[in-house]
N, C-alpha and C. Protein backbone atom coordinates (compact mmCIF):
# COMPACT_ATOMS: atom_id res chain seq x y z
N MET A 1 56.67 90.26 19.92
CA MET A 1 56.83 89.08 20.76
C MET A 1 55.54 88.74 21.47
N ALA A 2 54.81 89.76 21.98
CA ALA A 2 53.55 89.52 22.71
C ALA A 2 52.53 88.91 21.80
N ILE A 3 52.47 89.41 20.54
CA ILE A 3 51.47 88.89 19.59
C ILE A 3 51.78 87.46 19.24
N SER A 4 53.07 87.15 19.08
CA SER A 4 53.49 85.79 18.74
C SER A 4 53.14 84.83 19.85
N GLY A 5 53.32 85.20 21.12
CA GLY A 5 53.01 84.31 22.25
C GLY A 5 51.53 84.05 22.33
N HIS A 6 50.67 85.07 22.08
CA HIS A 6 49.22 84.90 22.14
C HIS A 6 48.75 83.92 21.06
N SER A 7 49.36 84.01 19.87
CA SER A 7 49.00 83.11 18.76
C SER A 7 49.36 81.69 19.07
N SER A 8 50.48 81.44 19.73
CA SER A 8 50.92 80.08 20.08
C SER A 8 49.97 79.44 21.04
N ARG A 9 49.47 80.24 22.05
CA ARG A 9 48.51 79.67 23.01
C ARG A 9 47.21 79.34 22.33
N ALA A 10 46.80 80.12 21.35
CA ALA A 10 45.54 79.86 20.64
C ALA A 10 45.64 78.56 19.85
N ASP A 11 46.83 78.32 19.23
CA ASP A 11 47.00 77.07 18.46
C ASP A 11 46.97 75.86 19.36
N ASN A 12 47.60 75.99 20.54
CA ASN A 12 47.63 74.84 21.46
C ASN A 12 46.24 74.50 21.95
N ASN A 13 45.41 75.49 22.27
CA ASN A 13 44.05 75.22 22.75
C ASN A 13 43.19 74.65 21.62
N GLY A 14 43.43 75.13 20.40
CA GLY A 14 42.62 74.62 19.28
C GLY A 14 42.94 73.19 18.93
N GLY A 15 44.11 72.64 19.28
CA GLY A 15 44.49 71.26 18.96
C GLY A 15 43.86 70.24 19.87
N LYS A 16 43.29 70.65 21.00
CA LYS A 16 42.66 69.71 21.94
C LYS A 16 41.16 69.73 21.76
N ARG A 17 40.49 68.48 21.84
CA ARG A 17 39.04 68.39 21.73
C ARG A 17 38.42 68.68 23.09
N LYS A 18 37.48 69.61 23.10
CA LYS A 18 36.83 69.98 24.35
C LYS A 18 35.90 68.87 24.82
N PRO A 19 35.59 68.75 26.11
CA PRO A 19 34.75 67.66 26.66
C PRO A 19 33.39 67.61 26.02
N TRP A 20 32.76 68.76 25.75
CA TRP A 20 31.40 68.70 25.18
C TRP A 20 31.41 68.15 23.77
N GLN A 21 32.60 68.30 23.09
CA GLN A 21 32.70 67.73 21.75
C GLN A 21 32.76 66.21 21.79
N LYS A 22 33.44 65.64 22.82
CA LYS A 22 33.48 64.17 22.98
C LYS A 22 32.10 63.61 23.23
N TRP A 23 31.36 64.24 24.10
CA TRP A 23 29.99 63.77 24.41
C TRP A 23 29.10 63.87 23.18
N GLN A 24 29.31 64.91 22.41
CA GLN A 24 28.52 65.07 21.19
C GLN A 24 28.78 63.91 20.22
N PHE A 25 30.00 63.46 20.08
CA PHE A 25 30.36 62.34 19.20
C PHE A 25 29.66 61.05 19.62
N TRP A 26 29.72 60.76 20.93
CA TRP A 26 29.09 59.52 21.42
C TRP A 26 27.58 59.57 21.32
N ILE A 27 26.99 60.75 21.52
CA ILE A 27 25.53 60.89 21.39
C ILE A 27 25.10 60.60 19.95
N ILE A 28 25.84 61.13 18.97
CA ILE A 28 25.51 60.91 17.56
C ILE A 28 25.68 59.44 17.18
N ALA A 29 26.79 58.81 17.66
CA ALA A 29 27.04 57.39 17.36
C ALA A 29 25.95 56.50 17.93
N SER A 30 25.54 56.79 19.18
CA SER A 30 24.48 56.00 19.82
C SER A 30 23.17 56.16 19.09
N ALA A 31 22.88 57.37 18.63
CA ALA A 31 21.64 57.61 17.90
C ALA A 31 21.61 56.84 16.58
N LEU A 32 22.76 56.77 15.89
CA LEU A 32 22.82 56.02 14.64
C LEU A 32 22.61 54.53 14.87
N LEU A 33 23.25 53.98 15.92
CA LEU A 33 23.08 52.56 16.24
C LEU A 33 21.64 52.24 16.60
N ALA A 34 21.02 53.15 17.38
CA ALA A 34 19.62 52.94 17.76
C ALA A 34 18.71 52.97 16.54
N ALA A 35 19.01 53.86 15.60
CA ALA A 35 18.20 53.96 14.39
C ALA A 35 18.33 52.70 13.55
N LEU A 36 19.56 52.16 13.44
CA LEU A 36 19.77 50.92 12.68
C LEU A 36 19.03 49.75 13.32
N ALA A 37 19.12 49.65 14.67
CA ALA A 37 18.44 48.56 15.37
C ALA A 37 16.93 48.66 15.20
N ALA A 38 16.40 49.88 15.30
CA ALA A 38 14.96 50.07 15.15
C ALA A 38 14.51 49.69 13.74
N GLY A 39 15.32 50.05 12.75
CA GLY A 39 14.97 49.69 11.37
C GLY A 39 14.99 48.19 11.15
N TRP A 40 15.97 47.51 11.75
CA TRP A 40 16.06 46.05 11.61
C TRP A 40 14.86 45.36 12.23
N ILE A 41 14.48 45.82 13.45
CA ILE A 41 13.33 45.24 14.14
C ILE A 41 12.05 45.50 13.36
N ALA A 42 11.93 46.72 12.84
CA ALA A 42 10.74 47.06 12.06
C ALA A 42 10.63 46.21 10.80
N SER A 43 11.77 45.93 10.15
CA SER A 43 11.73 45.12 8.93
C SER A 43 11.33 43.69 9.23
N ILE A 44 11.80 43.16 10.39
CA ILE A 44 11.42 41.80 10.79
C ILE A 44 9.91 41.72 11.01
N GLY A 45 9.38 42.74 11.72
CA GLY A 45 7.94 42.76 11.96
C GLY A 45 7.16 42.86 10.67
N PHE A 46 7.63 43.67 9.73
CA PHE A 46 6.93 43.83 8.46
C PHE A 46 6.94 42.54 7.66
N TYR A 47 8.13 41.86 7.58
CA TYR A 47 8.23 40.63 6.82
C TYR A 47 7.46 39.49 7.47
N SER A 48 7.30 39.57 8.81
CA SER A 48 6.50 38.55 9.49
C SER A 48 5.04 38.69 9.11
N LEU A 49 4.57 39.92 8.98
CA LEU A 49 3.18 40.16 8.60
C LEU A 49 2.97 39.97 7.10
N CYS A 50 3.99 40.30 6.33
CA CYS A 50 3.88 40.20 4.87
C CYS A 50 5.05 39.38 4.33
N PRO A 51 5.07 38.07 4.52
CA PRO A 51 6.21 37.25 4.07
C PRO A 51 6.42 37.28 2.57
N TRP A 52 5.33 37.55 1.81
CA TRP A 52 5.47 37.59 0.36
C TRP A 52 6.36 38.73 -0.11
N ALA A 53 6.51 39.76 0.75
CA ALA A 53 7.31 40.94 0.37
C ALA A 53 8.80 40.73 0.65
N MET A 54 9.16 39.63 1.32
CA MET A 54 10.57 39.39 1.67
C MET A 54 11.37 39.05 0.42
N PRO A 55 12.54 39.66 0.24
CA PRO A 55 13.38 39.33 -0.92
C PRO A 55 13.73 37.84 -0.93
N PRO A 56 13.85 37.23 -2.10
CA PRO A 56 14.14 35.80 -2.19
C PRO A 56 15.40 35.40 -1.44
N GLY A 57 16.40 36.28 -1.42
CA GLY A 57 17.65 35.92 -0.76
C GLY A 57 17.54 35.80 0.74
N LEU A 58 16.47 36.39 1.34
CA LEU A 58 16.31 36.35 2.79
C LEU A 58 15.34 35.28 3.23
N ARG A 59 14.66 34.64 2.30
CA ARG A 59 13.67 33.65 2.67
C ARG A 59 14.34 32.37 3.15
N GLU A 60 13.65 31.72 4.10
CA GLU A 60 14.18 30.47 4.65
C GLU A 60 14.04 29.36 3.62
N LYS A 61 15.08 28.60 3.44
CA LYS A 61 15.05 27.50 2.49
C LYS A 61 14.27 26.33 3.07
N GLY A 62 13.45 25.66 2.25
CA GLY A 62 12.69 24.50 2.69
C GLY A 62 13.57 23.26 2.74
N THR A 63 13.06 22.22 3.36
CA THR A 63 13.78 20.96 3.45
C THR A 63 13.76 20.25 2.11
N GLU A 64 14.89 19.74 1.69
CA GLU A 64 14.98 19.05 0.41
C GLU A 64 15.41 17.62 0.65
N ASP A 65 14.83 16.72 -0.14
CA ASP A 65 15.17 15.31 -0.07
C ASP A 65 15.68 14.89 -1.43
N THR A 66 16.94 14.53 -1.51
CA THR A 66 17.54 14.15 -2.77
C THR A 66 17.82 12.66 -2.77
N GLN A 67 17.34 11.99 -3.79
CA GLN A 67 17.56 10.55 -3.90
C GLN A 67 18.26 10.25 -5.22
N VAL A 68 19.10 9.25 -5.19
CA VAL A 68 19.84 8.84 -6.38
C VAL A 68 19.65 7.35 -6.58
N ILE A 69 19.29 6.94 -7.78
CA ILE A 69 19.20 5.52 -8.09
C ILE A 69 20.62 5.03 -8.36
N ARG A 70 21.10 4.12 -7.50
CA ARG A 70 22.49 3.68 -7.58
C ARG A 70 22.70 2.65 -8.69
N SER A 71 21.69 1.83 -8.96
CA SER A 71 21.86 0.80 -9.98
C SER A 71 20.50 0.37 -10.52
N MET A 72 20.52 -0.22 -11.69
CA MET A 72 19.31 -0.74 -12.30
C MET A 72 19.66 -2.09 -12.92
N GLN A 73 18.81 -3.09 -12.65
CA GLN A 73 19.10 -4.43 -13.13
C GLN A 73 17.82 -5.06 -13.68
N ARG A 74 17.91 -5.57 -14.88
CA ARG A 74 16.76 -6.27 -15.46
C ARG A 74 16.58 -7.63 -14.77
N THR A 75 15.34 -7.97 -14.48
CA THR A 75 15.06 -9.27 -13.86
C THR A 75 14.05 -10.02 -14.71
N LYS A 76 14.10 -11.33 -14.64
CA LYS A 76 13.17 -12.19 -15.38
C LYS A 76 12.45 -13.13 -14.42
N GLU A 77 12.14 -12.63 -13.26
CA GLU A 77 11.42 -13.44 -12.30
C GLU A 77 9.94 -13.46 -12.68
N VAL A 78 9.36 -14.65 -12.58
CA VAL A 78 7.95 -14.82 -12.91
C VAL A 78 7.18 -14.98 -11.61
N SER A 79 6.30 -14.03 -11.32
CA SER A 79 5.48 -14.09 -10.11
C SER A 79 4.17 -14.79 -10.44
N LEU A 80 3.94 -15.93 -9.80
CA LEU A 80 2.75 -16.73 -10.09
C LEU A 80 1.66 -16.57 -9.05
N LEU A 81 2.04 -16.23 -7.83
CA LEU A 81 1.08 -16.25 -6.74
C LEU A 81 1.38 -15.12 -5.76
N ARG A 82 0.34 -14.44 -5.34
CA ARG A 82 0.47 -13.39 -4.33
C ARG A 82 -0.35 -13.80 -3.12
N LEU A 83 0.30 -13.85 -1.97
CA LEU A 83 -0.36 -14.24 -0.73
C LEU A 83 -0.55 -13.03 0.18
N GLY A 84 -1.75 -12.81 0.65
CA GLY A 84 -1.99 -11.78 1.65
C GLY A 84 -1.77 -12.38 3.03
N VAL A 85 -0.68 -11.98 3.67
CA VAL A 85 -0.28 -12.60 4.94
C VAL A 85 -0.58 -11.65 6.09
N THR A 86 -1.21 -12.17 7.14
CA THR A 86 -1.47 -11.43 8.37
C THR A 86 -1.09 -12.31 9.54
N GLY A 87 -0.44 -11.74 10.51
CA GLY A 87 -0.04 -12.53 11.67
C GLY A 87 0.29 -11.66 12.87
N ILE A 88 0.57 -12.31 13.97
CA ILE A 88 0.97 -11.65 15.21
C ILE A 88 2.22 -12.33 15.74
N ILE A 89 3.22 -11.54 16.03
CA ILE A 89 4.45 -12.06 16.62
C ILE A 89 4.61 -11.44 18.00
N SER A 90 5.09 -12.24 18.94
CA SER A 90 5.23 -11.76 20.32
C SER A 90 6.60 -12.11 20.87
N LYS A 91 7.00 -11.33 21.86
CA LYS A 91 8.28 -11.59 22.53
C LYS A 91 8.15 -11.18 23.99
N GLU A 92 8.81 -11.93 24.87
CA GLU A 92 8.72 -11.67 26.31
C GLU A 92 10.11 -11.78 26.93
N ASN A 93 10.44 -10.83 27.77
CA ASN A 93 11.67 -10.87 28.55
C ASN A 93 11.32 -10.84 30.03
N LYS A 94 12.11 -11.57 30.83
CA LYS A 94 11.89 -11.60 32.28
C LYS A 94 13.22 -11.50 33.01
N GLY A 95 13.15 -10.95 34.22
CA GLY A 95 14.33 -10.91 35.06
C GLY A 95 14.48 -12.22 35.84
N HIS A 96 15.73 -12.62 36.07
CA HIS A 96 16.00 -13.89 36.76
C HIS A 96 16.97 -13.67 37.91
N PHE A 97 16.77 -14.44 38.93
CA PHE A 97 17.74 -14.52 40.03
C PHE A 97 18.25 -15.95 40.05
N PHE A 98 19.48 -16.12 39.57
CA PHE A 98 20.01 -17.43 39.24
C PHE A 98 19.09 -18.07 38.21
N ASN A 99 18.41 -19.17 38.52
CA ASN A 99 17.51 -19.80 37.55
C ASN A 99 16.05 -19.54 37.84
N MET A 100 15.76 -18.66 38.75
CA MET A 100 14.38 -18.40 39.14
C MET A 100 13.90 -17.08 38.52
N GLU A 101 12.68 -17.13 37.97
CA GLU A 101 12.08 -15.91 37.43
C GLU A 101 11.61 -15.01 38.57
N ILE A 102 11.84 -13.71 38.40
CA ILE A 102 11.44 -12.74 39.41
C ILE A 102 10.08 -12.17 39.03
N PRO A 103 9.05 -12.39 39.82
CA PRO A 103 7.71 -11.87 39.50
C PRO A 103 7.73 -10.34 39.37
N GLY A 104 6.97 -9.83 38.42
CA GLY A 104 6.85 -8.40 38.22
C GLY A 104 7.90 -7.80 37.32
N THR A 105 8.87 -8.61 36.85
CA THR A 105 9.94 -8.08 36.01
C THR A 105 9.71 -8.31 34.52
N GLU A 106 8.56 -8.89 34.18
CA GLU A 106 8.34 -9.27 32.79
C GLU A 106 8.05 -8.06 31.90
N ARG A 107 8.52 -8.18 30.66
CA ARG A 107 8.18 -7.26 29.58
C ARG A 107 7.64 -8.10 28.43
N ALA A 108 6.58 -7.64 27.80
CA ALA A 108 6.00 -8.37 26.68
C ALA A 108 5.52 -7.38 25.62
N ARG A 109 5.66 -7.78 24.35
CA ARG A 109 5.23 -6.94 23.24
C ARG A 109 4.63 -7.83 22.15
N PHE A 110 3.49 -7.42 21.62
CA PHE A 110 2.81 -8.14 20.55
C PHE A 110 2.69 -7.21 19.35
N ILE A 111 3.17 -7.67 18.20
CA ILE A 111 3.15 -6.88 16.98
C ILE A 111 2.31 -7.58 15.93
N GLN A 112 1.36 -6.86 15.35
CA GLN A 112 0.56 -7.38 14.25
C GLN A 112 1.20 -6.94 12.94
N TYR A 113 1.29 -7.85 11.98
CA TYR A 113 1.91 -7.52 10.71
C TYR A 113 1.06 -8.02 9.54
N THR A 114 1.15 -7.31 8.44
CA THR A 114 0.50 -7.72 7.19
C THR A 114 1.44 -7.39 6.03
N PHE A 115 1.45 -8.23 5.01
CA PHE A 115 2.20 -7.96 3.79
C PHE A 115 1.71 -8.90 2.71
N ASP A 116 2.04 -8.58 1.47
CA ASP A 116 1.71 -9.43 0.33
C ASP A 116 2.97 -10.15 -0.12
N ALA A 117 2.98 -11.47 0.04
CA ALA A 117 4.13 -12.28 -0.37
C ALA A 117 3.97 -12.69 -1.83
N LYS A 118 5.09 -12.64 -2.57
CA LYS A 118 5.07 -13.02 -3.99
C LYS A 118 5.91 -14.28 -4.18
N LEU A 119 5.29 -15.29 -4.79
CA LEU A 119 5.95 -16.57 -5.04
C LEU A 119 6.02 -16.82 -6.54
N GLY A 120 7.10 -17.44 -6.99
CA GLY A 120 7.24 -17.74 -8.41
C GLY A 120 8.52 -18.49 -8.68
N PHE A 121 9.18 -18.15 -9.80
CA PHE A 121 10.43 -18.81 -10.16
C PHE A 121 11.25 -17.88 -11.05
N GLU A 122 12.48 -18.29 -11.31
CA GLU A 122 13.40 -17.51 -12.14
C GLU A 122 13.13 -17.86 -13.61
N GLY A 123 12.57 -16.91 -14.35
CA GLY A 123 12.19 -17.19 -15.73
C GLY A 123 13.35 -17.57 -16.63
N LYS A 124 14.52 -17.03 -16.38
CA LYS A 124 15.68 -17.30 -17.24
C LYS A 124 16.17 -18.74 -17.12
N ASP A 125 15.75 -19.43 -16.06
CA ASP A 125 16.20 -20.81 -15.85
C ASP A 125 15.23 -21.84 -16.44
N VAL A 126 14.17 -21.39 -17.07
CA VAL A 126 13.23 -22.30 -17.72
C VAL A 126 13.84 -22.84 -19.02
N THR A 127 13.71 -24.14 -19.24
CA THR A 127 14.22 -24.73 -20.49
C THR A 127 13.06 -25.36 -21.26
N ILE A 128 13.04 -25.15 -22.56
CA ILE A 128 12.00 -25.68 -23.43
C ILE A 128 12.67 -26.45 -24.57
N LYS A 129 12.29 -27.73 -24.73
CA LYS A 129 12.88 -28.57 -25.75
C LYS A 129 11.78 -29.18 -26.61
N GLU A 130 12.02 -29.19 -27.89
CA GLU A 130 11.07 -29.81 -28.80
C GLU A 130 11.31 -31.33 -28.83
N THR A 131 10.25 -32.08 -28.58
CA THR A 131 10.37 -33.55 -28.54
C THR A 131 9.61 -34.25 -29.66
N GLY A 132 8.89 -33.53 -30.46
CA GLY A 132 8.12 -34.10 -31.56
C GLY A 132 7.41 -32.99 -32.28
N GLU A 133 6.54 -33.38 -33.19
CA GLU A 133 5.80 -32.39 -33.96
C GLU A 133 4.81 -31.66 -33.05
N ASN A 134 4.99 -30.38 -32.93
CA ASN A 134 4.14 -29.54 -32.07
C ASN A 134 4.09 -30.04 -30.63
N THR A 135 5.19 -30.62 -30.18
CA THR A 135 5.27 -31.13 -28.80
C THR A 135 6.56 -30.63 -28.16
N PHE A 136 6.44 -30.10 -26.94
CA PHE A 136 7.60 -29.53 -26.27
C PHE A 136 7.58 -29.95 -24.79
N ASP A 137 8.80 -30.13 -24.28
CA ASP A 137 8.98 -30.35 -22.84
C ASP A 137 9.39 -29.02 -22.19
N VAL A 138 8.68 -28.66 -21.14
CA VAL A 138 8.97 -27.41 -20.43
C VAL A 138 9.42 -27.76 -19.01
N ALA A 139 10.68 -27.41 -18.71
CA ALA A 139 11.24 -27.70 -17.37
C ALA A 139 11.23 -26.42 -16.54
N ILE A 140 10.44 -26.44 -15.46
CA ILE A 140 10.31 -25.27 -14.58
C ILE A 140 11.30 -25.40 -13.43
N PRO A 141 12.09 -24.37 -13.16
CA PRO A 141 13.05 -24.43 -12.04
C PRO A 141 12.33 -24.42 -10.70
N GLU A 142 13.11 -24.49 -9.66
CA GLU A 142 12.57 -24.54 -8.30
C GLU A 142 11.80 -23.25 -7.98
N PHE A 143 10.65 -23.42 -7.37
CA PHE A 143 9.88 -22.26 -6.93
C PHE A 143 10.59 -21.57 -5.77
N LYS A 144 10.33 -20.25 -5.65
CA LYS A 144 11.01 -19.52 -4.59
C LYS A 144 10.17 -18.33 -4.14
N PHE A 145 10.56 -17.78 -3.03
CA PHE A 145 9.96 -16.55 -2.50
C PHE A 145 10.61 -15.38 -3.22
N ILE A 146 9.83 -14.66 -4.02
CA ILE A 146 10.39 -13.57 -4.83
C ILE A 146 10.54 -12.28 -4.03
N GLY A 147 9.54 -11.95 -3.24
CA GLY A 147 9.59 -10.68 -2.49
C GLY A 147 8.25 -10.41 -1.82
N TYR A 148 8.09 -9.18 -1.36
CA TYR A 148 6.84 -8.81 -0.70
C TYR A 148 6.53 -7.34 -0.97
N ASP A 149 5.24 -7.00 -0.84
CA ASP A 149 4.77 -5.64 -1.04
C ASP A 149 3.89 -5.22 0.14
N ASP A 150 3.74 -3.90 0.29
CA ASP A 150 2.79 -3.30 1.24
C ASP A 150 2.93 -3.83 2.67
N PRO A 151 4.13 -3.82 3.24
CA PRO A 151 4.25 -4.27 4.63
C PRO A 151 3.72 -3.25 5.62
N GLU A 152 3.04 -3.72 6.65
CA GLU A 152 2.55 -2.86 7.72
C GLU A 152 2.76 -3.58 9.05
N TYR A 153 3.26 -2.82 10.03
CA TYR A 153 3.52 -3.38 11.35
C TYR A 153 3.02 -2.40 12.41
N ARG A 154 2.43 -2.93 13.48
CA ARG A 154 2.01 -2.06 14.58
C ARG A 154 1.97 -2.85 15.88
N VAL A 155 2.33 -2.17 16.95
CA VAL A 155 2.29 -2.79 18.28
C VAL A 155 0.84 -2.75 18.76
N ILE A 156 0.29 -3.93 19.09
CA ILE A 156 -1.11 -3.99 19.53
C ILE A 156 -1.21 -4.18 21.04
N VAL A 157 -0.20 -4.79 21.66
CA VAL A 157 -0.21 -4.97 23.11
C VAL A 157 1.22 -4.82 23.63
N GLU A 158 1.37 -4.10 24.73
CA GLU A 158 2.67 -3.97 25.38
C GLU A 158 2.46 -4.03 26.88
N GLN A 159 3.21 -4.89 27.55
CA GLN A 159 3.07 -5.07 28.99
C GLN A 159 4.42 -4.86 29.66
N ASN A 160 4.42 -4.12 30.74
CA ASN A 160 5.62 -3.88 31.53
C ASN A 160 5.27 -4.06 33.01
N GLY A 161 5.93 -5.03 33.64
CA GLY A 161 5.67 -5.29 35.04
C GLY A 161 6.15 -4.16 35.93
N ALA A 162 5.68 -4.20 37.19
CA ALA A 162 6.03 -3.13 38.13
C ALA A 162 7.53 -3.07 38.40
N LEU A 163 8.21 -4.18 38.27
CA LEU A 163 9.66 -4.24 38.53
C LEU A 163 10.46 -4.44 37.25
N SER A 164 9.89 -4.07 36.10
CA SER A 164 10.54 -4.35 34.82
C SER A 164 11.60 -3.33 34.44
N PHE A 165 11.86 -2.33 35.30
CA PHE A 165 12.84 -1.31 34.96
C PHE A 165 14.24 -1.88 34.75
N GLY A 166 14.52 -3.03 35.35
CA GLY A 166 15.83 -3.66 35.18
C GLY A 166 15.86 -4.72 34.11
N THR A 167 14.72 -4.98 33.45
CA THR A 167 14.63 -6.02 32.42
C THR A 167 15.00 -5.45 31.05
N LYS A 168 15.64 -6.25 30.25
CA LYS A 168 16.09 -5.81 28.93
C LYS A 168 14.90 -5.35 28.08
N GLN A 169 15.09 -4.20 27.39
CA GLN A 169 14.05 -3.68 26.52
C GLN A 169 13.84 -4.60 25.31
N ILE A 170 12.62 -4.59 24.77
CA ILE A 170 12.30 -5.40 23.60
C ILE A 170 12.43 -4.52 22.36
N ASP A 171 13.18 -5.00 21.38
CA ASP A 171 13.43 -4.25 20.15
C ASP A 171 12.41 -4.65 19.09
N SER A 172 11.52 -3.72 18.72
CA SER A 172 10.49 -4.01 17.72
C SER A 172 11.09 -4.32 16.36
N LEU A 173 12.16 -3.61 15.97
CA LEU A 173 12.79 -3.83 14.67
C LEU A 173 13.36 -5.24 14.59
N ASP A 174 13.94 -5.70 15.68
CA ASP A 174 14.49 -7.05 15.71
C ASP A 174 13.37 -8.08 15.55
N MET A 175 12.22 -7.81 16.16
CA MET A 175 11.08 -8.72 16.02
C MET A 175 10.60 -8.78 14.58
N VAL A 176 10.50 -7.61 13.94
CA VAL A 176 10.03 -7.56 12.55
C VAL A 176 10.98 -8.29 11.61
N ASN A 177 12.27 -8.13 11.86
CA ASN A 177 13.27 -8.79 11.00
C ASN A 177 13.22 -10.30 11.10
N ASN A 178 12.64 -10.81 12.18
CA ASN A 178 12.54 -12.26 12.37
C ASN A 178 11.27 -12.85 11.77
N ILE A 179 10.43 -12.01 11.16
CA ILE A 179 9.19 -12.54 10.57
C ILE A 179 9.50 -13.31 9.29
N LEU A 180 10.28 -12.71 8.38
CA LEU A 180 10.57 -13.35 7.10
C LEU A 180 11.94 -14.02 7.13
N THR A 181 12.04 -15.08 7.88
CA THR A 181 13.26 -15.87 7.91
C THR A 181 13.30 -16.79 6.68
N GLU A 182 14.43 -17.38 6.41
CA GLU A 182 14.54 -18.32 5.29
C GLU A 182 13.61 -19.51 5.50
N LYS A 183 13.44 -19.92 6.74
CA LYS A 183 12.53 -21.04 7.03
C LYS A 183 11.09 -20.65 6.70
N ALA A 184 10.69 -19.42 7.07
CA ALA A 184 9.33 -18.96 6.78
C ALA A 184 9.10 -18.87 5.28
N LYS A 185 10.07 -18.37 4.53
CA LYS A 185 9.93 -18.27 3.08
C LYS A 185 9.74 -19.65 2.44
N LYS A 186 10.50 -20.62 2.91
CA LYS A 186 10.40 -21.99 2.37
C LYS A 186 9.03 -22.58 2.69
N GLU A 187 8.51 -22.29 3.87
CA GLU A 187 7.19 -22.81 4.23
C GLU A 187 6.10 -22.23 3.34
N TYR A 188 6.21 -20.95 2.99
CA TYR A 188 5.23 -20.35 2.08
C TYR A 188 5.23 -21.08 0.74
N VAL A 189 6.43 -21.39 0.23
CA VAL A 189 6.53 -22.07 -1.06
C VAL A 189 6.01 -23.51 -0.96
N ASP A 190 6.46 -24.24 0.05
CA ASP A 190 6.09 -25.65 0.17
C ASP A 190 4.58 -25.84 0.36
N SER A 191 3.96 -24.96 1.13
CA SER A 191 2.53 -25.11 1.41
C SER A 191 1.65 -24.71 0.23
N ASN A 192 2.26 -24.09 -0.80
CA ASN A 192 1.49 -23.67 -1.97
C ASN A 192 2.04 -24.26 -3.27
N ARG A 193 2.77 -25.36 -3.17
CA ARG A 193 3.43 -25.92 -4.34
C ARG A 193 2.43 -26.37 -5.40
N ASP A 194 1.34 -27.02 -4.99
CA ASP A 194 0.36 -27.50 -5.97
C ASP A 194 -0.22 -26.35 -6.78
N ILE A 195 -0.56 -25.25 -6.10
CA ILE A 195 -1.11 -24.10 -6.80
C ILE A 195 -0.07 -23.48 -7.73
N LEU A 196 1.19 -23.43 -7.29
CA LEU A 196 2.25 -22.86 -8.11
C LEU A 196 2.46 -23.66 -9.39
N GLU A 197 2.37 -24.99 -9.29
CA GLU A 197 2.53 -25.82 -10.48
C GLU A 197 1.39 -25.59 -11.48
N GLU A 198 0.18 -25.49 -10.96
CA GLU A 198 -0.95 -25.22 -11.84
C GLU A 198 -0.84 -23.86 -12.50
N GLN A 199 -0.36 -22.87 -11.73
CA GLN A 199 -0.21 -21.53 -12.28
C GLN A 199 0.88 -21.49 -13.35
N ALA A 200 1.96 -22.24 -13.14
CA ALA A 200 3.04 -22.28 -14.13
C ALA A 200 2.56 -22.92 -15.43
N LYS A 201 1.79 -23.99 -15.33
CA LYS A 201 1.24 -24.64 -16.53
C LYS A 201 0.32 -23.69 -17.28
N SER A 202 -0.55 -23.02 -16.53
CA SER A 202 -1.49 -22.10 -17.15
C SER A 202 -0.76 -20.93 -17.81
N PHE A 203 0.31 -20.45 -17.18
CA PHE A 203 1.06 -19.31 -17.69
C PHE A 203 1.64 -19.61 -19.07
N TYR A 204 2.37 -20.73 -19.20
CA TYR A 204 3.02 -21.04 -20.46
C TYR A 204 2.03 -21.57 -21.50
N THR A 205 1.03 -22.31 -21.07
CA THR A 205 0.05 -22.84 -22.02
C THR A 205 -0.73 -21.71 -22.70
N SER A 206 -1.10 -20.70 -21.92
CA SER A 206 -1.85 -19.59 -22.51
C SER A 206 -1.00 -18.83 -23.51
N ILE A 207 0.31 -18.71 -23.26
CA ILE A 207 1.18 -18.01 -24.20
C ILE A 207 1.32 -18.79 -25.49
N VAL A 208 1.60 -20.10 -25.38
CA VAL A 208 1.84 -20.92 -26.56
C VAL A 208 0.56 -21.11 -27.37
N HIS A 209 -0.54 -21.35 -26.69
CA HIS A 209 -1.80 -21.59 -27.41
C HIS A 209 -2.33 -20.33 -28.07
N SER A 210 -1.89 -19.18 -27.64
CA SER A 210 -2.30 -17.96 -28.33
C SER A 210 -1.66 -17.87 -29.71
N VAL A 211 -0.54 -18.63 -29.91
CA VAL A 211 0.14 -18.66 -31.20
C VAL A 211 -0.29 -19.89 -32.01
N ASP A 212 -0.30 -21.05 -31.33
CA ASP A 212 -0.67 -22.32 -31.99
C ASP A 212 -1.47 -23.17 -31.01
N PRO A 213 -2.77 -23.21 -31.13
CA PRO A 213 -3.61 -23.96 -30.18
C PRO A 213 -3.38 -25.47 -30.20
N ASP A 214 -2.73 -25.98 -31.26
CA ASP A 214 -2.52 -27.44 -31.38
C ASP A 214 -1.23 -27.90 -30.72
N THR A 215 -0.47 -27.00 -30.16
CA THR A 215 0.81 -27.37 -29.54
C THR A 215 0.56 -28.07 -28.20
N THR A 216 1.35 -29.12 -27.96
CA THR A 216 1.26 -29.86 -26.70
C THR A 216 2.49 -29.57 -25.84
N LEU A 217 2.25 -29.27 -24.57
CA LEU A 217 3.34 -28.97 -23.64
C LEU A 217 3.34 -30.01 -22.52
N ASN A 218 4.53 -30.54 -22.27
CA ASN A 218 4.72 -31.48 -21.15
C ASN A 218 5.61 -30.80 -20.11
N PHE A 219 5.12 -30.72 -18.87
CA PHE A 219 5.82 -29.96 -17.84
C PHE A 219 6.51 -30.89 -16.83
N SER A 220 7.66 -30.40 -16.39
CA SER A 220 8.38 -31.03 -15.27
C SER A 220 8.83 -29.93 -14.32
N PHE A 221 8.88 -30.30 -13.03
CA PHE A 221 9.18 -29.28 -12.02
C PHE A 221 10.37 -29.75 -11.17
N ALA A 222 11.26 -28.80 -10.91
CA ALA A 222 12.44 -29.09 -10.09
C ALA A 222 12.00 -29.39 -8.67
N LYS A 223 12.65 -30.36 -8.05
CA LYS A 223 12.34 -30.70 -6.65
C LYS A 223 12.97 -29.68 -5.71
N ALA A 224 12.29 -29.46 -4.60
CA ALA A 224 12.80 -28.51 -3.61
C ALA A 224 14.08 -29.05 -3.01
N SER A 225 15.07 -28.17 -2.87
CA SER A 225 16.35 -28.61 -2.32
C SER A 225 16.28 -28.66 -0.80
């Protein structure tokens, strides 16, 4: 009986973890975490000094720009004239008290712009009729503003009065959008109509005479609407 009781007490003591064993567990766990952290920091420092050694999967991805062409359309526009246009557009805002302007509240902005305007006509609307032996009538449609290339815009002067903090801001994009109005496009065409007619005659005459120099072409031009 005495031996049996001593053995039971030994089993009970052996089933409990002693305090120094608990501290030993936490010391080992902390050491492992510290070692992992030190290794991670060391690897960052190494890859910073030697980025070429970094595995591809860890490298930072660069910025990508993906573009998709949504549609494609054949055009038969004939460009006869290219105009190099340069100008300055300005806009001014002021604060008002009833109908009176308040001094010092003005805002002003001046934008210089340049672009190449293209003038011509719609080639598919040209009609050619034979009126005699080696003689043709060529009807040219209305001239139009086809488009523009190489636009450049920059603010050259900007003024803000001492009390302009309450005055409406000037939108540069809105100013630029007002440069090529339908009225402006029509003025480009109207002011260059004589040159456009001469260019249209030269364009078709050179094509036809390269095949048959004896051919006669009579031209007519649509009136501006």
